[in-house]
């Protein structure tokens, strides 16, 4: 067997092994997170916006920091921008196609505003071709402040906990086992994503794809698989707030923490292609969520078709 064939088989094996770990990790994380939400008196939406969203975005943080520190900024920025596009277009699109999702604009307007502002600031930085350390610090501080404030506000009033979560509490899962379940889910998600990325990036390079395209496609989809696995698990549990909160919260974490922390550690250059093609698409997907949630109070199946169709067209434009 030729060396090229051995390398190709290894890459495929890594990618498939990563996928299996991602599915298991998503199930464990959502199961543990919903029980933790009930125990602490937190709403599913809040857990989706914080614990699940930030937890499933750890692969983006790890991959982006590694790529930036190793001198591959195009893979890093492509990973973040591509992940944010995939979160709405691919993940929310697929879930909305499977079942209607209920969530009002009033519940997530602050988070959507933050994502829109962060996207606009990134576009402005892209116009200059550079992401400075000061902007990275601003991004990190913004997310830390948001997390502290929303956590404090979310802990007021345990009576608002959803009935489904109140029933979950009755199962009386011990707290150590609950924390172990969440930790196991996060470890599986992070490990599975890394395995998938290694295989996917090797495959992309095997076929001669540029680093930016690797970041926007292979790396972005790979690191978004935890969000997909967790969102599908939330859909089976009937937690629309957890699902949509996971998508919006992940995009917020990707922008403010992944890019912010990376820029704080090592400022980086931004490719002109991002401003002309990818960043407007990322902003457009976020802006599209505003009328959908405001007028419909959630998503319908035709919204899912719209998101997914837009994502497919975007991916086709990269070829």
Protein backbone atom coordinates (compact mmCIF):
# COMPACT_ATOMS: atom_id res chain seq x y z
CA UNK A 1 0.00 0.00 0.00
CA UNK A 2 1.38 3.43 -0.97
CA UNK A 3 2.30 5.96 1.76
CA UNK A 4 -0.33 8.35 0.41
CA UNK A 5 -3.03 5.70 0.94
CA UNK A 6 -1.87 5.02 4.50
CA UNK A 7 -1.95 8.77 5.29
CA UNK A 8 -5.40 9.12 3.76
CA UNK A 9 -6.81 6.17 5.71
CA UNK A 10 -5.35 7.54 8.95
CA UNK A 11 -6.92 10.94 8.33
CA UNK A 12 -10.34 9.40 7.66
CA UNK A 13 -10.03 7.26 10.81
CA UNK A 14 -9.21 10.31 12.95
CA UNK A 15 -12.16 12.24 11.55
CA UNK A 16 -14.63 9.39 12.13
CA UNK A 17 -13.32 8.70 15.63
CA UNK A 18 -13.70 12.37 16.46
CA UNK A 19 -17.29 12.38 15.22
CA UNK A 20 -18.23 9.48 17.50
CA UNK A 21 -16.73 11.25 20.52
CA UNK A 22 -18.55 14.47 19.60
CA UNK A 23 -21.96 12.79 19.57
CA UNK A 24 -21.38 11.16 22.95
CA UNK A 25 -19.96 14.35 24.42
CA UNK A 26 -22.91 16.42 23.22
CA UNK A 27 -25.39 14.06 24.84
CA UNK A 28 -23.50 14.03 28.15
CA UNK A 29 -23.07 17.80 28.25
CA UNK A 30 -26.72 18.64 27.56
CA UNK A 31 -27.99 16.03 30.01
CA UNK A 32 -25.70 17.34 32.73
CA UNK A 33 -26.31 21.01 31.92
CA UNK A 34 -30.10 20.77 32.03
CA UNK A 35 -29.96 19.01 35.41
CA UNK A 36 -27.52 21.61 36.71
CA UNK A 37 -29.85 24.36 35.51
CA UNK A 38 -32.73 22.87 37.47
CA UNK A 39 -30.63 22.36 40.59
CA UNK A 40 -29.41 25.98 40.54
CA UNK A 41 -32.77 27.42 39.51
CA UNK A 42 -31.44 28.71 36.18
CA UNK A 43 -33.47 28.91 32.99
CA UNK A 44 -32.53 26.63 30.07
CA UNK A 45 -31.84 29.71 27.94
CA UNK A 46 -29.27 30.98 30.45
CA UNK A 47 -27.54 27.61 30.56
CA UNK A 48 -27.51 27.54 26.76
CA UNK A 49 -26.02 31.03 26.59
CA UNK A 50 -23.30 30.30 29.14
CA UNK A 51 -22.41 26.76 30.25
CA UNK A 52 -23.26 24.88 27.05
CA UNK A 53 -22.30 27.63 24.60
CA UNK A 54 -18.95 28.35 26.20
CA UNK A 55 -18.23 24.68 26.81
CA UNK A 56 -18.88 23.65 23.22
CA UNK A 57 -16.75 26.58 21.99
CA UNK A 58 -13.66 25.33 23.81
CA UNK A 59 -12.50 23.49 20.63
CA UNK A 60 -12.62 26.79 18.69
CA UNK A 61 -10.55 28.44 21.43
CA UNK A 62 -7.98 25.63 21.48
CA UNK A 63 -7.69 25.35 17.70
CA UNK A 64 -7.51 29.13 17.21
CA UNK A 65 -4.86 29.71 19.87
CA UNK A 66 -2.77 26.82 18.54
CA UNK A 67 -3.05 28.05 14.94
CA UNK A 68 -2.17 31.63 15.87
CA UNK A 69 0.78 30.66 18.06
CA UNK A 70 2.12 28.35 15.36
CA UNK A 71 1.94 31.13 12.77
CA UNK A 72 -1.25 30.18 10.91
CA UNK A 73 -3.55 33.22 11.45
CA UNK A 74 -5.66 32.42 8.38
CA UNK A 75 -6.69 29.07 9.87
CA UNK A 76 -7.49 30.82 13.17
CA UNK A 77 -9.66 33.62 11.80
CA UNK A 78 -11.22 31.30 9.24
CA UNK A 79 -12.12 28.90 12.05
CA UNK A 80 -13.93 31.62 14.04
CA UNK A 81 -15.76 33.26 11.15
CA UNK A 82 -16.61 29.94 9.51
CA UNK A 83 -17.85 28.52 12.83
CA UNK A 84 -20.16 31.49 13.41
CA UNK A 85 -21.59 31.13 9.91
CA UNK A 86 -22.00 27.36 10.38
CA UNK A 87 -23.68 27.79 13.79
CA UNK A 88 -26.57 29.74 12.28
CA UNK A 89 -26.65 28.43 8.72
CA UNK A 90 -25.89 24.75 9.29
CA UNK A 91 -26.76 23.99 12.92
CA UNK A 92 -29.76 26.23 13.51
CA UNK A 93 -30.88 25.57 9.95
CA UNK A 94 -30.86 21.78 10.39
CA UNK A 95 -32.57 21.94 13.81
CA UNK A 96 -35.25 24.35 12.59
CA UNK A 97 -35.95 22.02 9.68
CA UNK A 98 -36.51 19.12 12.08
CA UNK A 99 -38.89 20.98 14.43
CA UNK A 100 -40.19 24.52 15.12
CA UNK A 101 -38.20 26.33 17.81
CA UNK A 102 -39.80 28.80 20.21
CA UNK A 103 -37.90 31.83 21.50
CA UNK A 104 -38.80 35.53 21.54
CA UNK A 105 -36.53 38.37 20.54
CA UNK A 106 -37.02 39.93 24.00
CA UNK A 107 -35.15 37.01 25.59
CA UNK A 108 -31.95 37.33 23.55
CA UNK A 109 -31.83 40.93 22.28
CA UNK A 110 -28.80 41.79 24.43
CA UNK A 111 -26.83 38.79 23.14
CA UNK A 112 -27.76 39.46 19.51
CA UNK A 113 -26.78 43.12 19.91
CA UNK A 114 -23.40 42.08 21.30
CA UNK A 115 -22.81 39.68 18.39
CA UNK A 116 -23.79 42.35 15.84
CA UNK A 117 -21.50 44.95 17.50
CA UNK A 118 -18.63 42.47 17.72
CA UNK A 119 -19.06 41.53 14.05
CA UNK A 120 -19.10 45.20 13.01
CA UNK A 121 -15.93 45.92 15.01
CA UNK A 122 -14.22 42.92 13.42
CA UNK A 123 -15.20 44.22 9.97
CA UNK A 124 -13.74 47.62 10.88
CA UNK A 125 -10.49 45.99 12.00
CA UNK A 126 -10.45 43.95 8.80
CA UNK A 127 -10.63 47.18 6.82
CA UNK A 128 -7.32 48.14 8.44
CA UNK A 129 -5.98 44.62 7.91
CA UNK A 130 -4.96 44.12 11.54
CA UNK A 131 -6.50 43.00 14.85
CA UNK A 132 -4.73 44.99 17.64
CA UNK A 133 -4.08 43.93 21.22
CA UNK A 134 -6.30 46.75 22.56
CA UNK A 135 -9.30 45.38 20.66
CA UNK A 136 -8.56 41.92 22.03
CA UNK A 137 -8.61 43.27 25.57
CA UNK A 138 -11.89 45.09 24.91
CA UNK A 139 -13.47 41.91 23.55
CA UNK A 140 -12.39 39.79 26.54
CA UNK A 141 -13.56 42.37 29.08
CA UNK A 142 -16.92 42.68 27.30
CA UNK A 143 -17.58 38.95 27.50
CA UNK A 144 -16.43 38.64 31.11
CA UNK A 145 -18.68 41.54 32.12
CA UNK A 146 -21.63 40.06 30.26
CA UNK A 147 -21.16 36.63 31.84
CA UNK A 148 -20.97 38.03 35.37
CA UNK A 149 -24.05 40.25 34.95
CA UNK A 150 -26.23 37.66 33.23
CA UNK A 151 -25.31 35.00 35.78
CA UNK A 152 -26.25 37.26 38.68
CA UNK A 153 -29.56 38.24 37.07
CA UNK A 154 -30.31 34.67 36.04
CA UNK A 155 -30.06 33.38 39.59
CA UNK A 156 -32.92 35.62 40.83
CA UNK A 157 -36.20 33.80 40.90
CA UNK A 158 -36.07 30.05 40.83
CA UNK A 159 -39.81 29.88 40.24
CA UNK A 160 -39.25 30.51 36.55
CA UNK A 161 -37.53 27.17 35.98
CA UNK A 162 -39.21 25.17 33.24
CA UNK A 163 -41.50 22.31 34.35
CA UNK A 164 -39.49 19.79 32.35
CA UNK A 165 -36.40 20.72 34.33
CA UNK A 166 -38.29 20.56 37.62
CA UNK A 167 -39.23 16.99 36.74
CA UNK A 168 -35.57 16.28 35.97
CA UNK A 169 -34.56 17.43 39.45
CA UNK A 170 -36.81 14.78 40.94
CA UNK A 171 -34.45 12.16 39.58
CA UNK A 172 -32.04 13.36 42.31
CA UNK A 173 -28.77 12.76 40.48
CA UNK A 174 -25.97 13.32 43.04
CA UNK A 175 -24.04 16.54 42.48
CA UNK A 176 -20.61 14.82 42.12
CA UNK A 177 -22.05 12.54 39.43
CA UNK A 178 -23.68 15.54 37.76
CA UNK A 179 -20.38 17.42 37.62
CA UNK A 180 -18.64 14.29 36.35
CA UNK A 181 -21.22 14.01 33.54
CA UNK A 182 -20.64 17.62 32.47
CA UNK A 183 -16.87 17.28 32.69
CA UNK A 184 -16.93 14.04 30.70
CA UNK A 185 -19.05 15.72 28.03
CA UNK A 186 -16.66 18.65 27.73
CA UNK A 187 -13.61 16.37 27.58
CA UNK A 188 -15.21 14.23 24.88
CA UNK A 189 -16.18 17.32 22.90
CA UNK A 190 -12.71 18.84 23.09
CA UNK A 191 -10.90 15.57 22.35
CA UNK A 192 -13.30 14.57 19.60
CA UNK A 193 -13.00 17.97 17.94
CA UNK A 194 -9.22 17.82 18.00
CA UNK A 195 -9.21 14.36 16.44
CA UNK A 196 -11.66 15.48 13.79
CA UNK A 197 -9.65 18.61 13.00
CA UNK A 198 -6.42 16.66 12.64
CA UNK A 199 -8.06 14.30 10.19
CA UNK A 200 -10.00 16.98 8.32
CA UNK A 201 -7.06 19.36 7.94
CA UNK A 202 -4.85 16.53 6.70
CA UNK A 203 -7.53 15.64 4.16
CA UNK A 204 -7.84 19.26 3.03
CA UNK A 205 -4.10 19.60 2.61
CA UNK A 206 -3.98 16.27 0.84
CA UNK A 207 -6.27 17.80 -1.81
CA UNK A 208 -4.36 21.12 -1.92
CA UNK A 209 -6.76 23.58 -0.23
CA UNK A 210 -5.56 27.01 1.06
CA UNK A 211 -5.21 27.69 4.78
CA UNK A 212 -8.04 30.26 4.85
CA UNK A 213 -10.42 27.84 3.14
CA UNK A 214 -9.33 25.12 5.57
CA UNK A 215 -10.26 27.43 8.44
CA UNK A 216 -13.59 28.48 6.89
CA UNK A 217 -14.69 24.94 6.03
CA UNK A 218 -12.94 21.93 7.55
CA UNK A 219 -11.81 23.57 10.79
CA UNK A 220 -15.01 25.60 11.16
CA UNK A 221 -17.37 22.68 10.62
CA UNK A 222 -15.22 20.40 12.76
CA UNK A 223 -15.14 22.74 15.74
CA UNK A 224 -18.87 23.47 15.27
CA UNK A 225 -19.75 19.80 15.60
CA UNK A 226 -19.94 20.07 19.42
CA UNK A 227 -22.60 22.77 18.96
CA UNK A 228 -24.40 20.53 16.45
CA UNK A 229 -24.27 17.49 18.73
CA UNK A 230 -25.41 19.52 21.75
CA UNK A 231 -28.15 21.27 19.75
CA UNK A 232 -29.55 17.99 18.43
CA UNK A 233 -29.52 16.60 21.96
CA UNK A 234 -31.32 19.72 23.22
CA UNK A 235 -33.86 19.30 20.41
CA UNK A 236 -34.60 15.74 21.55
CA UNK A 237 -35.05 17.04 25.10
CA UNK A 238 -37.48 19.67 23.82
CA UNK A 239 -35.35 22.60 25.04
CA UNK A 240 -35.65 25.28 22.34
CA UNK A 241 -34.20 27.97 24.60
CA UNK A 242 -31.15 25.83 25.35
CA UNK A 243 -30.68 25.15 21.64
CA UNK A 244 -30.94 28.73 20.33
CA UNK A 245 -29.06 30.04 23.36
CA UNK A 246 -26.27 27.60 22.55
CA UNK A 247 -25.99 28.92 18.98
CA UNK A 248 -26.07 32.62 19.89
CA UNK A 249 -23.85 32.15 22.96
CA UNK A 250 -21.30 30.17 20.94
CA UNK A 251 -21.08 32.93 18.34
CA UNK A 252 -20.65 35.48 21.11
CA UNK A 253 -17.89 33.38 22.75
CA UNK A 254 -16.13 32.85 19.41
CA UNK A 255 -16.01 36.57 18.70
CA UNK A 256 -15.24 38.00 22.11
CA UNK A 257 -13.21 35.27 23.83
CA UNK A 258 -11.58 33.25 21.03
CA UNK A 259 -10.64 36.24 18.87
CA UNK A 260 -10.19 38.53 21.87
CA UNK A 261 -7.86 36.24 23.81
CA UNK A 262 -5.91 35.33 20.67
CA UNK A 263 -5.48 39.00 19.76
CA UNK A 264 -4.51 39.83 23.34
CA UNK A 265 -1.77 37.20 23.32
CA UNK A 266 -0.63 37.73 19.73
CA UNK A 267 -2.14 40.45 17.48
CA UNK A 268 -2.68 39.19 13.95
CA UNK A 269 -3.20 40.35 10.38
CA UNK A 270 -6.58 39.98 8.65
CA UNK A 271 -6.91 38.86 5.04
CA UNK A 272 -8.72 41.30 2.67
CA UNK A 273 -10.85 38.34 1.49
CA UNK A 274 -12.62 38.30 4.84
CA UNK A 275 -14.07 41.80 4.42
CA UNK A 276 -15.11 41.22 0.83
CA UNK A 277 -16.75 37.82 1.29
CA UNK A 278 -16.90 36.10 4.69
CA UNK A 279 -17.52 38.81 7.30
CA UNK A 280 -20.57 40.26 5.49
CA UNK A 281 -22.07 36.74 5.35
CA UNK A 282 -21.44 36.22 9.08
CA UNK A 283 -23.11 39.56 9.91
CA UNK A 284 -26.01 38.88 7.53
CA UNK A 285 -26.84 35.56 9.22
CA UNK A 286 -26.93 37.27 12.62
CA UNK A 287 -29.07 40.14 11.36
CA UNK A 288 -31.46 37.65 9.77
CA UNK A 289 -32.16 36.17 13.19
CA UNK A 290 -33.59 39.49 14.44
CA UNK A 291 -36.74 39.66 12.25
CA UNK A 292 -37.20 35.89 12.51
CA UNK A 293 -37.34 35.95 16.32
CA UNK A 294 -39.15 39.30 16.51
CA UNK A 295 -41.99 38.52 14.11
CA UNK A 296 -42.35 34.76 14.52
CA UNK A 297 -41.38 34.26 18.18
CA UNK A 298 -39.02 31.50 17.07
CA UNK A 299 -38.14 29.59 13.93
CA UNK A 300 -40.32 27.64 11.50
CA UNK A 301 -39.28 24.92 9.10
CA UNK A 302 -39.08 27.35 6.18
CA UNK A 303 -36.66 29.46 8.23
CA UNK A 304 -34.48 26.37 8.60
CA UNK A 305 -34.60 25.86 4.85
CA UNK A 306 -33.60 29.50 4.36
CA UNK A 307 -30.65 29.26 6.75
CA UNK A 308 -29.44 25.93 5.39
CA UNK A 309 -29.86 27.02 1.76
CA UNK A 310 -27.88 30.18 2.45
CA UNK A 311 -25.11 28.16 4.06
CA UNK A 312 -24.89 25.78 1.10
CA UNK A 313 -24.66 28.73 -1.31
CA UNK A 314 -21.92 30.28 0.83
CA UNK A 315 -19.90 27.04 0.83
CA UNK A 316 -20.35 26.77 -2.94
CA UNK A 317 -18.88 30.28 -3.31
CA UNK A 318 -15.67 29.07 -1.64
CA UNK A 319 -15.02 26.42 -4.28
